[in-house]
Amino acid sequence: MSDFRDIEAALHEAQELILELMPDNIRSILQTRMTSSFGAIYNWRRAVIPPVVEHALHDDTGRGRCPLCHRGPDQGVHVGFTLPTGLTRHLEGSHNFYRCGVMAVAEAVAKRTR
């Protein structure tokens, strides 16, 4: 049982480190507390995603890379996601978009610390 706790502690430490590596303005958004009420995940995402999308740098076409993981869509000739819809879907992992790994970590930490 000790091995499991050691692995869990190492995972939690790695998750915290990922958030610490984010710029201060992004980290403060991601560290928004999650309530323990019904719909807490939905409410947390509604509070966190719009300000994260606002931090995306966009090009002439209105597309931008994720400000958390710095990725863009894997398919096509486009470098960035459409803003705000495509980036929001990436952050949520909805509509067949792959989910941002940093966002997944931030959500896990928020769930754990509520």
N, C-alpha and C. Protein backbone atom coordinates (compact mmCIF):
# COMPACT_ATOMS: atom_id res chain seq x y z
N MET A 1 0.82 -1.19 0.00
CA MET A 1 0.00 0.00 0.00
C MET A 1 0.86 1.25 0.00
N SER A 2 2.03 1.15 0.59
CA SER A 2 2.94 2.29 0.63
C SER A 2 3.38 2.71 -0.77
N ASP A 3 3.60 1.73 -1.65
CA ASP A 3 4.01 2.04 -3.02
C ASP A 3 2.95 2.87 -3.74
N PHE A 4 1.68 2.50 -3.54
CA PHE A 4 0.59 3.25 -4.16
C PHE A 4 0.57 4.69 -3.66
N ARG A 5 0.74 4.88 -2.38
CA ARG A 5 0.75 6.24 -1.80
C ARG A 5 1.94 7.04 -2.31
N ASP A 6 3.08 6.38 -2.47
CA ASP A 6 4.26 7.06 -3.01
C ASP A 6 4.02 7.51 -4.45
N ILE A 7 3.41 6.63 -5.23
CA ILE A 7 3.11 6.98 -6.63
C ILE A 7 2.09 8.11 -6.69
N GLU A 8 1.07 8.02 -5.85
CA GLU A 8 0.05 9.08 -5.82
C GLU A 8 0.66 10.42 -5.40
N ALA A 9 1.53 10.40 -4.42
CA ALA A 9 2.20 11.63 -3.96
C ALA A 9 3.08 12.20 -5.07
N ALA A 10 3.78 11.34 -5.79
CA ALA A 10 4.62 11.81 -6.90
C ALA A 10 3.77 12.41 -8.01
N LEU A 11 2.62 11.79 -8.29
CA LEU A 11 1.71 12.34 -9.30
C LEU A 11 1.21 13.71 -8.89
N HIS A 12 0.79 13.86 -7.65
CA HIS A 12 0.31 15.15 -7.17
C HIS A 12 1.40 16.21 -7.23
N GLU A 13 2.61 15.82 -6.89
CA GLU A 13 3.75 16.75 -6.95
C GLU A 13 4.01 17.18 -8.40
N ALA A 14 3.94 16.25 -9.33
CA ALA A 14 4.15 16.57 -10.75
C ALA A 14 3.05 17.49 -11.26
N GLN A 15 1.82 17.25 -10.85
CA GLN A 15 0.71 18.12 -11.27
C GLN A 15 0.91 19.54 -10.75
N GLU A 16 1.30 19.66 -9.51
CA GLU A 16 1.55 20.99 -8.94
C GLU A 16 2.69 21.70 -9.67
N LEU A 17 3.72 20.95 -10.03
CA LEU A 17 4.86 21.51 -10.75
C LEU A 17 4.44 22.05 -12.12
N ILE A 18 3.57 21.31 -12.81
CA ILE A 18 3.08 21.77 -14.11
C ILE A 18 2.41 23.13 -13.96
N LEU A 19 1.59 23.29 -12.94
CA LEU A 19 0.92 24.57 -12.72
C LEU A 19 1.92 25.66 -12.34
N GLU A 20 2.92 25.31 -11.56
CA GLU A 20 3.94 26.29 -11.16
C GLU A 20 4.74 26.80 -12.36
N LEU A 21 4.85 26.01 -13.41
CA LEU A 21 5.61 26.41 -14.60
C LEU A 21 4.84 27.38 -15.50
N MET A 22 3.56 27.55 -15.24
CA MET A 22 2.75 28.48 -16.03
C MET A 22 3.09 29.92 -15.62
N PRO A 23 2.98 30.87 -16.55
CA PRO A 23 3.16 32.27 -16.17
C PRO A 23 2.17 32.65 -15.07
N ASP A 24 2.54 33.62 -14.23
CA ASP A 24 1.72 34.00 -13.08
C ASP A 24 0.28 34.30 -13.45
N ASN A 25 0.06 35.06 -14.53
CA ASN A 25 -1.31 35.44 -14.88
C ASN A 25 -2.16 34.23 -15.27
N ILE A 26 -1.58 33.25 -15.93
CA ILE A 26 -2.30 32.03 -16.30
C ILE A 26 -2.49 31.15 -15.07
N ARG A 27 -1.45 31.03 -14.26
CA ARG A 27 -1.53 30.18 -13.06
C ARG A 27 -2.63 30.65 -12.12
N SER A 28 -2.78 31.96 -11.96
CA SER A 28 -3.81 32.46 -11.06
C SER A 28 -5.21 32.11 -11.57
N ILE A 29 -5.39 32.06 -12.87
CA ILE A 29 -6.68 31.65 -13.44
C ILE A 29 -6.91 30.16 -13.16
N LEU A 30 -5.90 29.35 -13.43
CA LEU A 30 -6.05 27.90 -13.29
C LEU A 30 -6.23 27.46 -11.85
N GLN A 31 -5.79 28.28 -10.90
CA GLN A 31 -5.90 27.91 -9.50
C GLN A 31 -7.22 28.36 -8.87
N THR A 32 -8.19 28.72 -9.72
CA THR A 32 -9.53 29.06 -9.24
C THR A 32 -10.08 27.85 -8.49
N ARG A 33 -10.64 28.08 -7.32
CA ARG A 33 -11.16 26.99 -6.49
C ARG A 33 -12.42 26.40 -7.10
N MET A 34 -12.55 25.10 -6.99
CA MET A 34 -13.75 24.40 -7.43
C MET A 34 -14.62 24.16 -6.22
N THR A 35 -15.90 24.46 -6.34
CA THR A 35 -16.82 24.21 -5.23
C THR A 35 -17.14 22.72 -5.16
N SER A 36 -17.76 22.32 -4.09
CA SER A 36 -18.14 20.91 -3.95
C SER A 36 -19.62 20.70 -4.29
N SER A 37 -20.22 21.68 -4.93
CA SER A 37 -21.64 21.58 -5.28
C SER A 37 -21.84 20.75 -6.54
N PHE A 38 -23.09 20.38 -6.78
CA PHE A 38 -23.45 19.69 -8.01
C PHE A 38 -23.11 20.60 -9.19
N GLY A 39 -22.52 20.07 -10.20
CA GLY A 39 -22.14 20.88 -11.36
C GLY A 39 -20.85 21.65 -11.15
N ALA A 40 -20.06 21.26 -10.17
CA ALA A 40 -18.84 22.00 -9.84
C ALA A 40 -17.86 22.03 -11.01
N ILE A 41 -17.70 20.92 -11.71
CA ILE A 41 -16.76 20.87 -12.84
C ILE A 41 -17.22 21.82 -13.93
N TYR A 42 -18.50 21.79 -14.24
CA TYR A 42 -19.04 22.68 -15.27
C TYR A 42 -18.83 24.14 -14.87
N ASN A 43 -19.13 24.48 -13.63
CA ASN A 43 -18.97 25.86 -13.16
C ASN A 43 -17.51 26.29 -13.15
N TRP A 44 -16.62 25.37 -12.78
CA TRP A 44 -15.19 25.69 -12.76
C TRP A 44 -14.71 25.98 -14.18
N ARG A 45 -15.11 25.13 -15.13
CA ARG A 45 -14.72 25.35 -16.52
C ARG A 45 -15.27 26.68 -17.04
N ARG A 46 -16.51 27.00 -16.69
CA ARG A 46 -17.10 28.28 -17.13
C ARG A 46 -16.35 29.47 -16.56
N ALA A 47 -15.76 29.31 -15.37
CA ALA A 47 -15.00 30.40 -14.76
C ALA A 47 -13.59 30.51 -15.32
N VAL A 48 -13.00 29.39 -15.71
CA VAL A 48 -11.59 29.34 -16.09
C VAL A 48 -11.36 29.50 -17.60
N ILE A 49 -12.16 28.86 -18.41
CA ILE A 49 -11.88 28.82 -19.85
C ILE A 49 -11.90 30.20 -20.52
N PRO A 50 -12.92 31.04 -20.32
CA PRO A 50 -12.91 32.33 -21.02
C PRO A 50 -11.67 33.19 -20.77
N PRO A 51 -11.19 33.32 -19.52
CA PRO A 51 -9.96 34.11 -19.34
C PRO A 51 -8.72 33.46 -19.96
N VAL A 52 -8.68 32.12 -20.00
CA VAL A 52 -7.56 31.45 -20.66
C VAL A 52 -7.59 31.76 -22.15
N VAL A 53 -8.78 31.69 -22.76
CA VAL A 53 -8.92 31.98 -24.19
C VAL A 53 -8.47 33.42 -24.48
N GLU A 54 -8.77 34.34 -23.58
CA GLU A 54 -8.36 35.74 -23.77
C GLU A 54 -6.85 35.90 -23.83
N HIS A 55 -6.11 34.99 -23.23
CA HIS A 55 -4.64 35.06 -23.24
C HIS A 55 -4.02 34.48 -24.50
N ALA A 56 -4.82 33.92 -25.37
CA ALA A 56 -4.28 33.33 -26.60
C ALA A 56 -3.85 34.44 -27.56
N LEU A 57 -2.66 34.32 -28.09
CA LEU A 57 -2.19 35.25 -29.11
C LEU A 57 -2.71 34.76 -30.44
N HIS A 58 -3.25 35.67 -31.24
CA HIS A 58 -3.84 35.25 -32.51
C HIS A 58 -3.14 35.90 -33.69
N ASP A 59 -3.30 35.26 -34.85
CA ASP A 59 -2.69 35.78 -36.07
C ASP A 59 -3.72 36.59 -36.86
N ASP A 60 -3.38 36.94 -38.09
CA ASP A 60 -4.26 37.75 -38.94
C ASP A 60 -5.59 37.07 -39.23
N THR A 61 -5.63 35.75 -39.17
CA THR A 61 -6.84 35.02 -39.50
C THR A 61 -7.74 34.79 -38.29
N GLY A 62 -7.32 35.26 -37.12
CA GLY A 62 -8.11 35.07 -35.91
C GLY A 62 -7.92 33.71 -35.27
N ARG A 63 -6.83 33.06 -35.57
CA ARG A 63 -6.52 31.76 -35.00
C ARG A 63 -5.37 31.90 -34.02
N GLY A 64 -5.36 31.02 -33.00
CA GLY A 64 -4.27 31.09 -32.03
C GLY A 64 -3.98 29.74 -31.41
N ARG A 65 -2.75 29.59 -30.97
CA ARG A 65 -2.34 28.38 -30.26
C ARG A 65 -2.85 28.44 -28.82
N CYS A 66 -2.92 27.29 -28.21
CA CYS A 66 -3.34 27.21 -26.81
C CYS A 66 -2.29 27.90 -25.93
N PRO A 67 -2.72 28.83 -25.07
CA PRO A 67 -1.74 29.50 -24.21
C PRO A 67 -1.21 28.61 -23.09
N LEU A 68 -1.81 27.44 -22.90
CA LEU A 68 -1.36 26.53 -21.86
C LEU A 68 -0.34 25.52 -22.39
N CYS A 69 -0.70 24.80 -23.46
CA CYS A 69 0.17 23.75 -23.98
C CYS A 69 0.89 24.15 -25.27
N HIS A 70 0.52 25.30 -25.82
CA HIS A 70 1.13 25.87 -27.03
C HIS A 70 0.90 25.02 -28.28
N ARG A 71 -0.14 24.19 -28.25
CA ARG A 71 -0.46 23.37 -29.41
C ARG A 71 -1.51 24.05 -30.27
N GLY A 72 -1.59 23.58 -31.50
CA GLY A 72 -2.64 23.98 -32.42
C GLY A 72 -3.28 22.72 -32.94
N PRO A 73 -4.20 22.85 -33.88
CA PRO A 73 -4.84 21.64 -34.42
C PRO A 73 -3.82 20.76 -35.14
N ASP A 74 -4.00 19.46 -35.04
CA ASP A 74 -3.07 18.50 -35.67
C ASP A 74 -3.33 18.32 -37.15
N GLN A 75 -4.50 18.72 -37.61
CA GLN A 75 -4.86 18.48 -39.00
C GLN A 75 -4.95 19.79 -39.77
N GLY A 76 -4.75 19.68 -41.06
CA GLY A 76 -4.93 20.85 -41.92
C GLY A 76 -3.71 21.75 -41.95
N VAL A 77 -3.88 22.86 -42.61
CA VAL A 77 -2.78 23.81 -42.80
C VAL A 77 -2.77 24.89 -41.73
N HIS A 78 -3.78 24.90 -40.86
CA HIS A 78 -3.88 25.96 -39.86
C HIS A 78 -2.91 25.74 -38.71
N VAL A 79 -2.33 26.82 -38.26
CA VAL A 79 -1.37 26.75 -37.16
C VAL A 79 -2.08 26.81 -35.82
N GLY A 80 -3.16 27.56 -35.72
CA GLY A 80 -3.84 27.73 -34.45
C GLY A 80 -5.31 27.33 -34.51
N PHE A 81 -5.93 27.34 -33.35
CA PHE A 81 -7.36 27.06 -33.24
C PHE A 81 -8.14 28.32 -33.59
N THR A 82 -9.37 28.13 -34.07
CA THR A 82 -10.24 29.29 -34.23
C THR A 82 -10.55 29.82 -32.84
N LEU A 83 -10.62 31.13 -32.74
CA LEU A 83 -10.90 31.75 -31.44
C LEU A 83 -12.28 32.38 -31.46
N PRO A 84 -13.07 32.20 -30.46
CA PRO A 84 -12.82 31.44 -29.24
C PRO A 84 -13.24 29.97 -29.31
N THR A 85 -14.05 29.61 -30.32
CA THR A 85 -14.71 28.30 -30.34
C THR A 85 -13.75 27.13 -30.37
N GLY A 86 -12.81 27.12 -31.30
CA GLY A 86 -11.90 25.99 -31.43
C GLY A 86 -11.03 25.81 -30.20
N LEU A 87 -10.52 26.91 -29.67
CA LEU A 87 -9.68 26.81 -28.47
C LEU A 87 -10.50 26.36 -27.27
N THR A 88 -11.72 26.83 -27.15
CA THR A 88 -12.59 26.39 -26.06
C THR A 88 -12.82 24.89 -26.14
N ARG A 89 -13.07 24.39 -27.33
CA ARG A 89 -13.29 22.94 -27.51
C ARG A 89 -12.04 22.15 -27.16
N HIS A 90 -10.88 22.69 -27.48
CA HIS A 90 -9.61 22.04 -27.12
C HIS A 90 -9.45 22.01 -25.60
N LEU A 91 -9.74 23.10 -24.94
CA LEU A 91 -9.60 23.17 -23.48
C LEU A 91 -10.59 22.23 -22.79
N GLU A 92 -11.78 22.08 -23.35
CA GLU A 92 -12.79 21.19 -22.79
C GLU A 92 -12.58 19.72 -23.20
N GLY A 93 -11.96 19.53 -24.36
CA GLY A 93 -11.87 18.20 -24.94
C GLY A 93 -13.19 17.77 -25.55
N SER A 94 -13.95 18.73 -26.06
CA SER A 94 -15.27 18.42 -26.61
C SER A 94 -15.24 18.44 -28.14
N HIS A 95 -16.32 17.95 -28.76
CA HIS A 95 -16.49 17.98 -30.21
C HIS A 95 -15.32 17.31 -30.95
N ASN A 96 -14.83 16.21 -30.43
CA ASN A 96 -13.73 15.45 -31.03
C ASN A 96 -12.40 16.20 -31.07
N PHE A 97 -12.24 17.22 -30.26
CA PHE A 97 -10.94 17.90 -30.12
C PHE A 97 -10.16 17.18 -29.02
N TYR A 98 -8.84 17.05 -29.21
CA TYR A 98 -8.04 16.46 -28.14
C TYR A 98 -7.95 17.49 -27.02
N ARG A 99 -7.95 17.00 -25.80
CA ARG A 99 -7.98 17.87 -24.63
C ARG A 99 -6.59 18.37 -24.28
N CYS A 100 -6.53 19.62 -23.90
CA CYS A 100 -5.28 20.22 -23.45
C CYS A 100 -4.82 19.50 -22.17
N GLY A 101 -3.60 18.99 -22.19
CA GLY A 101 -3.07 18.28 -21.03
C GLY A 101 -2.91 19.15 -19.81
N VAL A 102 -2.52 20.40 -20.01
CA VAL A 102 -2.36 21.31 -18.87
C VAL A 102 -3.71 21.60 -18.24
N MET A 103 -4.74 21.76 -19.07
CA MET A 103 -6.08 22.00 -18.54
C MET A 103 -6.56 20.80 -17.75
N ALA A 104 -6.27 19.60 -18.24
CA ALA A 104 -6.66 18.39 -17.52
C ALA A 104 -5.98 18.33 -16.15
N VAL A 105 -4.71 18.71 -16.10
CA VAL A 105 -3.98 18.73 -14.83
C VAL A 105 -4.58 19.77 -13.89
N ALA A 106 -4.87 20.97 -14.40
CA ALA A 106 -5.45 22.03 -13.57
C ALA A 106 -6.79 21.58 -12.99
N GLU A 107 -7.58 20.90 -13.80
CA GLU A 107 -8.87 20.41 -13.32
C GLU A 107 -8.69 19.35 -12.23
N ALA A 108 -7.74 18.46 -12.42
CA ALA A 108 -7.48 17.42 -11.42
C ALA A 108 -7.05 18.04 -10.10
N VAL A 109 -6.20 19.05 -10.16
CA VAL A 109 -5.75 19.73 -8.94
C VAL A 109 -6.92 20.45 -8.28
N ALA A 110 -7.76 21.10 -9.08
CA ALA A 110 -8.92 21.81 -8.53
C ALA A 110 -9.88 20.84 -7.86
N LYS A 111 -10.07 19.67 -8.44
CA LYS A 111 -10.95 18.65 -7.84
C LYS A 111 -10.37 18.18 -6.51
N ARG A 112 -9.08 17.99 -6.50
CA ARG A 112 -8.41 17.45 -5.31
C ARG A 112 -8.40 18.46 -4.16
N THR A 113 -8.33 19.74 -4.48
CA THR A 113 -8.15 20.76 -3.42
C THR A 113 -9.44 21.46 -3.03
N ARG A 114 -10.58 20.99 -3.54
CA ARG A 114 -11.84 21.67 -3.19
C ARG A 114 -12.28 21.35 -1.79
